[in-house]
Amino acid sequence: MTELILKNCPACQADVSSQALHCPKCGHRLRTPVRTPFGKFVKWGFIGFNVLMLLLLFSVMGSTSETVNQVGTDPEKAGAAIGGMLGMGFVLFLWFFGFVGGGITMLLTRPQQ
């Protein structure tokens, strides 16, 4: 059982519990909630996933433009352009669903109030 310890709010000098995040009288923030280690892992995984998807998208765009410039005939260029668009579409598809799933997971592991 935790013991109730009161301290003064720095903004309004009201008595506030040491476990409170905000002063109930004036709303001044007393302490900041902290993510759990799993929450930090999810947050950095989410950031890393988005950076990886951005790099992959630029890589697909660059290789598509190189391939279109290297092939000779018009049908080959059209095929290379269609293949590049399909590749970018797949990367964007993965990015969207990864972003939504990672965002929901990050939301569920945020610091509790």
Protein backbone atom coordinates (compact mmCIF):
# COMPACT_ATOMS: atom_id res chain seq x y z
CA MET A 1 0.00 0.00 0.00
CA THR A 2 1.45 3.36 -1.03
CA GLU A 3 1.60 6.17 1.45
CA LEU A 4 -0.06 9.45 0.51
CA ILE A 5 2.54 12.20 0.44
CA LEU A 6 1.48 15.77 -0.24
CA LYS A 7 3.66 18.41 -1.83
CA ASN A 8 3.07 22.00 -2.89
CA CYS A 9 2.24 22.93 -6.46
CA PRO A 10 4.97 25.27 -7.76
CA ALA A 11 2.39 27.41 -9.55
CA CYS A 12 -0.39 27.91 -6.99
CA GLN A 13 1.08 26.43 -3.74
CA ALA A 14 -1.92 24.07 -3.30
CA ASP A 15 -1.39 20.70 -1.58
CA VAL A 16 -1.13 18.00 -4.26
CA SER A 17 -0.43 14.26 -4.11
CA SER A 18 3.12 13.31 -5.09
CA GLN A 19 1.65 10.82 -7.58
CA ALA A 20 -0.44 13.43 -9.47
CA LEU A 21 0.54 14.41 -12.99
CA HIS A 22 -1.34 17.76 -12.90
CA CYS A 23 -2.41 20.09 -10.14
CA PRO A 24 -6.17 19.68 -9.64
CA LYS A 25 -6.53 23.38 -8.78
CA CYS A 26 -4.58 25.17 -11.51
CA GLY A 27 -3.75 22.35 -13.97
CA HIS A 28 0.03 22.90 -13.81
CA ARG A 29 1.97 19.84 -15.02
CA LEU A 30 3.84 18.32 -12.08
CA ARG A 31 5.49 15.34 -13.75
CA THR A 32 5.61 13.75 -17.19
CA PRO A 33 4.41 10.18 -17.78
CA VAL A 34 7.12 7.83 -19.08
CA ARG A 35 6.79 5.01 -21.63
CA THR A 36 7.50 1.45 -20.54
CA PRO A 37 10.49 -0.31 -22.13
CA PHE A 38 8.10 -2.17 -24.47
CA GLY A 39 6.46 1.16 -25.37
CA LYS A 40 9.88 2.65 -26.19
CA PHE A 41 10.67 -0.42 -28.34
CA VAL A 42 7.36 0.01 -30.23
CA LYS A 43 7.96 3.75 -30.69
CA TRP A 44 11.46 3.30 -32.13
CA GLY A 45 10.34 0.33 -34.22
CA PHE A 46 7.58 2.51 -35.69
CA ILE A 47 10.04 5.29 -36.51
CA GLY A 48 12.52 2.80 -38.00
CA PHE A 49 9.79 1.18 -40.11
CA ASN A 50 8.79 4.55 -41.59
CA VAL A 51 12.39 5.49 -42.37
CA LEU A 52 12.93 2.08 -44.01
CA MET A 53 9.79 2.45 -46.13
CA LEU A 54 10.86 5.93 -47.25
CA LEU A 55 14.30 4.63 -48.28
CA LEU A 56 12.71 1.66 -50.06
CA LEU A 57 10.35 3.96 -51.95
CA PHE A 58 13.24 6.15 -53.15
CA SER A 59 15.19 3.03 -54.09
CA VAL A 60 12.32 1.69 -56.21
CA MET A 61 11.87 5.08 -57.87
CA GLY A 62 15.58 5.32 -58.66
CA SER A 63 15.89 1.81 -60.05
CA THR A 64 12.75 2.31 -62.16
CA SER A 65 14.11 5.47 -63.75
CA GLU A 66 17.47 3.78 -64.44
CA THR A 67 15.76 0.77 -66.02
CA VAL A 68 13.51 2.93 -68.22
CA ASN A 69 16.54 4.91 -69.43
CA GLN A 70 18.63 1.77 -70.15
CA VAL A 71 16.18 -0.30 -72.17
CA GLY A 72 15.98 0.32 -75.90
CA THR A 73 12.56 -0.08 -77.46
CA ASP A 74 9.33 1.65 -76.53
CA PRO A 75 7.55 -1.56 -75.42
CA GLU A 76 10.49 -2.37 -73.13
CA LYS A 77 10.34 1.14 -71.64
CA ALA A 78 6.59 0.82 -71.12
CA GLY A 79 7.06 -2.57 -69.42
CA ALA A 80 9.79 -1.17 -67.17
CA ALA A 81 7.59 1.80 -66.25
CA ILE A 82 4.62 -0.47 -65.46
CA GLY A 83 6.81 -2.76 -63.37
CA GLY A 84 8.19 0.24 -61.47
CA MET A 85 4.70 1.54 -60.78
CA LEU A 86 3.64 -1.89 -59.52
CA GLY A 87 6.70 -1.96 -57.26
CA MET A 88 5.94 1.51 -55.88
CA GLY A 89 2.32 0.53 -55.38
CA PHE A 90 3.38 -2.53 -53.39
CA VAL A 91 5.75 -0.46 -51.22
CA LEU A 92 3.00 2.11 -50.58
CA PHE A 93 0.55 -0.70 -49.75
CA LEU A 94 2.98 -2.17 -47.20
CA TRP A 95 3.75 1.29 -45.82
CA PHE A 96 0.07 2.14 -45.34
CA PHE A 97 -0.83 -1.04 -43.48
CA GLY A 98 2.40 -0.96 -41.46
CA PHE A 99 1.76 2.67 -40.57
CA VAL A 100 -1.80 1.97 -39.44
CA GLY A 101 -0.85 -1.16 -37.48
CA GLY A 102 2.21 0.46 -35.94
CA GLY A 103 0.31 3.62 -35.12
CA ILE A 104 -2.41 1.69 -33.31
CA THR A 105 0.20 -0.32 -31.40
CA MET A 106 2.06 2.86 -30.49
CA LEU A 107 -1.21 4.41 -29.32
CA LEU A 108 -1.93 1.41 -27.12
CA THR A 109 1.56 1.52 -25.55
CA ARG A 110 1.64 5.27 -24.84
CA PRO A 111 2.35 6.46 -21.29
CA GLN A 112 -0.69 6.22 -19.05
CA GLN A 113 -2.05 9.33 -17.36
